[in-house]
């Protein structure tokens, strides 16, 4: 986060934004997973021994609730990993977590959401420079 914001107060680390738990599929590519589970898709399939989409969405929802309760008048920088960022983005916009599939994300990119009339909107997406 220091790369994005410079030196600021110490970050607050929360498990709510931990990467999705892929269980038995941890470390495997989608192609490798499809060798054992043909037609598998992250957004509609399951990860045996891992986290459900509903559980990840609940973590995102809890983060959003805490964000609104504790930092409603502040700018907040949140960092996470690919799938969790996409799930969080969907939930910020009031979408189902599976609709995170709609958001392409570049490595180390920055997105900006602002609250307008009580709802979050995307103001910037996939910034890398």
C-alpha atoms as a PDB file:
ATOM      1  CA  UNK A   1       0.000   0.000   0.000  1.00  0.00           C
ATOM      2  CA  UNK A   2       2.945   2.309   0.545  1.00  0.00           C
ATOM      3  CA  UNK A   3       3.643   2.129  -3.194  1.00  0.00           C
ATOM      4  CA  UNK A   4       0.140   3.455  -3.869  1.00  0.00           C
ATOM      5  CA  UNK A   5      -0.210   5.961  -1.035  1.00  0.00           C
ATOM      6  CA  UNK A   6       3.233   6.660   0.322  1.00  0.00           C
ATOM      7  CA  UNK A   7       3.966   6.488   4.038  1.00  0.00           C
ATOM      8  CA  UNK A   8       0.743   6.686   5.996  1.00  0.00           C
ATOM      9  CA  UNK A   9      -0.464   5.355   9.314  1.00  0.00           C
ATOM     10  CA  UNK A  10       0.346   1.700   9.826  1.00  0.00           C
ATOM     11  CA  UNK A  11      -2.009  -0.561   7.873  1.00  0.00           C
ATOM     12  CA  UNK A  12      -4.711  -2.540   9.627  1.00  0.00           C
ATOM     13  CA  UNK A  13      -4.491  -6.176   8.625  1.00  0.00           C
ATOM     14  CA  UNK A  14      -7.772  -8.063   8.466  1.00  0.00           C
ATOM     15  CA  UNK A  15      -8.557 -11.650   7.559  1.00  0.00           C
ATOM     16  CA  UNK A  16     -11.733 -10.329   5.938  1.00  0.00           C
ATOM     17  CA  UNK A  17      -9.699  -9.486   2.833  1.00  0.00           C
ATOM     18  CA  UNK A  18      -7.557 -12.630   2.798  1.00  0.00           C
ATOM     19  CA  UNK A  19      -7.394 -14.349  -0.574  1.00  0.00           C
ATOM     20  CA  UNK A  20     -10.052 -16.891  -1.407  1.00  0.00           C
ATOM     21  CA  UNK A  21      -9.295 -20.311   0.109  1.00  0.00           C
ATOM     22  CA  UNK A  22      -8.964 -22.662  -2.875  1.00  0.00           C
ATOM     23  CA  UNK A  23      -8.641 -25.789  -0.706  1.00  0.00           C
ATOM     24  CA  UNK A  24      -7.504 -28.776  -2.763  1.00  0.00           C
ATOM     25  CA  UNK A  25      -7.063 -26.493  -5.778  1.00  0.00           C
ATOM     26  CA  UNK A  26      -4.562 -24.166  -4.074  1.00  0.00           C
ATOM     27  CA  UNK A  27      -1.623 -23.451  -6.372  1.00  0.00           C
ATOM     28  CA  UNK A  28      -3.251 -24.997  -9.444  1.00  0.00           C
ATOM     29  CA  UNK A  29      -4.182 -23.184 -12.634  1.00  0.00           C
ATOM     30  CA  UNK A  30      -7.711 -23.420 -14.028  1.00  0.00           C
ATOM     31  CA  UNK A  31      -6.311 -25.623 -16.795  1.00  0.00           C
ATOM     32  CA  UNK A  32      -4.813 -28.031 -14.255  1.00  0.00           C
ATOM     33  CA  UNK A  33      -8.075 -28.133 -12.283  1.00  0.00           C
ATOM     34  CA  UNK A  34     -10.062 -28.912 -15.432  1.00  0.00           C
ATOM     35  CA  UNK A  35      -7.963 -32.046 -15.948  1.00  0.00           C
ATOM     36  CA  UNK A  36      -9.613 -33.489 -12.824  1.00  0.00           C
ATOM     37  CA  UNK A  37     -12.877 -31.508 -12.982  1.00  0.00           C
ATOM     38  CA  UNK A  38     -13.859 -30.879 -16.625  1.00  0.00           C
ATOM     39  CA  UNK A  39     -15.934 -27.718 -17.185  1.00  0.00           C
ATOM     40  CA  UNK A  40     -14.865 -26.335 -13.779  1.00  0.00           C
ATOM     41  CA  UNK A  41     -15.178 -22.575 -13.443  1.00  0.00           C
ATOM     42  CA  UNK A  42     -14.150 -20.575 -10.377  1.00  0.00           C
ATOM     43  CA  UNK A  43     -17.307 -18.454 -10.429  1.00  0.00           C
ATOM     44  CA  UNK A  44     -19.797 -21.299 -10.687  1.00  0.00           C
ATOM     45  CA  UNK A  45     -17.864 -24.296  -9.367  1.00  0.00           C
ATOM     46  CA  UNK A  46     -16.633 -25.321  -5.969  1.00  0.00           C
ATOM     47  CA  UNK A  47     -13.187 -25.721  -4.468  1.00  0.00           C
ATOM     48  CA  UNK A  48     -13.137 -29.007  -2.510  1.00  0.00           C
ATOM     49  CA  UNK A  49     -11.743 -28.511   0.971  1.00  0.00           C
ATOM     50  CA  UNK A  50     -11.836 -24.739   0.437  1.00  0.00           C
ATOM     51  CA  UNK A  51     -14.075 -21.777   0.874  1.00  0.00           C
ATOM     52  CA  UNK A  52     -17.524 -21.341  -0.620  1.00  0.00           C
ATOM     53  CA  UNK A  53     -18.440 -18.280  -2.654  1.00  0.00           C
ATOM     54  CA  UNK A  54     -21.074 -17.463  -0.012  1.00  0.00           C
ATOM     55  CA  UNK A  55     -18.421 -17.461   2.726  1.00  0.00           C
ATOM     56  CA  UNK A  56     -16.123 -15.162   0.743  1.00  0.00           C
ATOM     57  CA  UNK A  57     -19.079 -12.854   0.019  1.00  0.00           C
ATOM     58  CA  UNK A  58     -19.913 -12.767   3.737  1.00  0.00           C
ATOM     59  CA  UNK A  59     -16.321 -11.708   4.485  1.00  0.00           C
ATOM     60  CA  UNK A  60     -16.600  -8.954   1.872  1.00  0.00           C
ATOM     61  CA  UNK A  61     -19.949  -7.838   3.274  1.00  0.00           C
ATOM     62  CA  UNK A  62     -18.527  -7.705   6.797  1.00  0.00           C
ATOM     63  CA  UNK A  63     -15.575  -5.637   5.559  1.00  0.00           C
ATOM     64  CA  UNK A  64     -17.968  -3.210   3.834  1.00  0.00           C
ATOM     65  CA  UNK A  65     -20.107  -2.912   6.983  1.00  0.00           C
ATOM     66  CA  UNK A  66     -17.010  -2.214   9.102  1.00  0.00           C
ATOM     67  CA  UNK A  67     -15.740   0.260   6.518  1.00  0.00           C
ATOM     68  CA  UNK A  68     -19.007   2.189   6.624  1.00  0.00           C
ATOM     69  CA  UNK A  69     -19.207   2.076  10.429  1.00  0.00           C
ATOM     70  CA  UNK A  70     -15.625   3.082  11.179  1.00  0.00           C
ATOM     71  CA  UNK A  71     -14.485   5.172   8.215  1.00  0.00           C
ATOM     72  CA  UNK A  72     -17.586   6.709   6.645  1.00  0.00           C
ATOM     73  CA  UNK A  73     -16.001  10.132   6.166  1.00  0.00           C
ATOM     74  CA  UNK A  74     -12.505   8.936   5.273  1.00  0.00           C
ATOM     75  CA  UNK A  75     -10.610   7.735   2.240  1.00  0.00           C
ATOM     76  CA  UNK A  76      -9.563   4.122   2.728  1.00  0.00           C
ATOM     77  CA  UNK A  77      -7.070   2.030   0.776  1.00  0.00           C
ATOM     78  CA  UNK A  78      -7.754  -1.703   0.829  1.00  0.00           C
ATOM     79  CA  UNK A  79      -5.463  -4.339  -0.644  1.00  0.00           C
ATOM     80  CA  UNK A  80      -6.141  -7.986  -1.378  1.00  0.00           C
ATOM     81  CA  UNK A  81      -5.742 -10.594  -4.118  1.00  0.00           C
ATOM     82  CA  UNK A  82      -7.433 -11.138  -7.471  1.00  0.00           C
ATOM     83  CA  UNK A  83     -10.551 -13.185  -6.801  1.00  0.00           C
ATOM     84  CA  UNK A  84     -11.250 -11.559  -3.441  1.00  0.00           C
ATOM     85  CA  UNK A  85     -10.897  -8.081  -4.955  1.00  0.00           C
ATOM     86  CA  UNK A  86     -13.366  -9.030  -7.669  1.00  0.00           C
ATOM     87  CA  UNK A  87     -15.825 -10.443  -5.110  1.00  0.00           C
ATOM     88  CA  UNK A  88     -15.434  -7.326  -2.950  1.00  0.00           C
ATOM     89  CA  UNK A  89     -15.983  -5.098  -5.993  1.00  0.00           C
ATOM     90  CA  UNK A  90     -19.189  -6.927  -6.856  1.00  0.00           C
ATOM     91  CA  UNK A  91     -20.467  -6.668  -3.281  1.00  0.00           C
ATOM     92  CA  UNK A  92     -19.563  -2.957  -3.053  1.00  0.00           C
ATOM     93  CA  UNK A  93     -21.813  -2.428  -6.071  1.00  0.00           C
ATOM     94  CA  UNK A  94     -24.642  -4.544  -4.654  1.00  0.00           C
ATOM     95  CA  UNK A  95     -24.052  -7.414  -7.084  1.00  0.00           C
ATOM     96  CA  UNK A  96     -23.946 -11.138  -6.400  1.00  0.00           C
ATOM     97  CA  UNK A  97     -20.403 -12.350  -5.641  1.00  0.00           C
ATOM     98  CA  UNK A  98     -20.340 -14.479  -8.818  1.00  0.00           C
ATOM     99  CA  UNK A  99     -20.673 -11.268 -10.799  1.00  0.00           C
ATOM    100  CA  UNK A 100     -17.080 -10.543  -9.824  1.00  0.00           C
ATOM    101  CA  UNK A 101     -16.405 -12.481 -13.033  1.00  0.00           C
ATOM    102  CA  UNK A 102     -17.394  -9.293 -14.890  1.00  0.00           C
ATOM    103  CA  UNK A 103     -14.338  -7.444 -13.575  1.00  0.00           C
ATOM    104  CA  UNK A 104     -11.065  -8.038 -15.361  1.00  0.00           C
ATOM    105  CA  UNK A 105      -8.191  -7.103 -13.100  1.00  0.00           C
ATOM    106  CA  UNK A 106      -4.558  -6.369 -13.852  1.00  0.00           C
ATOM    107  CA  UNK A 107      -1.792  -7.360 -11.446  1.00  0.00           C
ATOM    108  CA  UNK A 108      -0.997  -4.568  -8.980  1.00  0.00           C
ATOM    109  CA  UNK A 109      -3.717  -2.332 -10.381  1.00  0.00           C
ATOM    110  CA  UNK A 110      -5.696   0.242  -8.466  1.00  0.00           C
ATOM    111  CA  UNK A 111      -9.447   0.754  -8.474  1.00  0.00           C
ATOM    112  CA  UNK A 112     -11.365   3.603  -6.928  1.00  0.00           C
ATOM    113  CA  UNK A 113     -14.902   3.458  -5.600  1.00  0.00           C
ATOM    114  CA  UNK A 114     -16.742   6.485  -4.284  1.00  0.00           C
ATOM    115  CA  UNK A 115     -19.976   6.674  -2.402  1.00  0.00           C
ATOM    116  CA  UNK A 116     -22.738   8.699  -4.045  1.00  0.00           C
ATOM    117  CA  UNK A 117     -26.185   8.987  -2.533  1.00  0.00           C
ATOM    118  CA  UNK A 118     -25.497   6.062  -0.188  1.00  0.00           C
ATOM    119  CA  UNK A 119     -24.243   3.647  -2.855  1.00  0.00           C
ATOM    120  CA  UNK A 120     -20.776   2.870  -4.130  1.00  0.00           C
ATOM    121  CA  UNK A 121     -19.894   3.519  -7.764  1.00  0.00           C
ATOM    122  CA  UNK A 122     -16.734   2.759  -9.727  1.00  0.00           C
ATOM    123  CA  UNK A 123     -14.845   5.927 -10.568  1.00  0.00           C
ATOM    124  CA  UNK A 124     -11.595   4.311 -11.770  1.00  0.00           C
ATOM    125  CA  UNK A 125     -10.591   0.754 -12.627  1.00  0.00           C
ATOM    126  CA  UNK A 126      -7.387  -1.126 -13.492  1.00  0.00           C
ATOM    127  CA  UNK A 127      -5.008   1.788 -13.065  1.00  0.00           C
ATOM    128  CA  UNK A 128      -1.394   0.708 -13.318  1.00  0.00           C
ATOM    129  CA  UNK A 129       0.417   4.006 -13.725  1.00  0.00           C
END
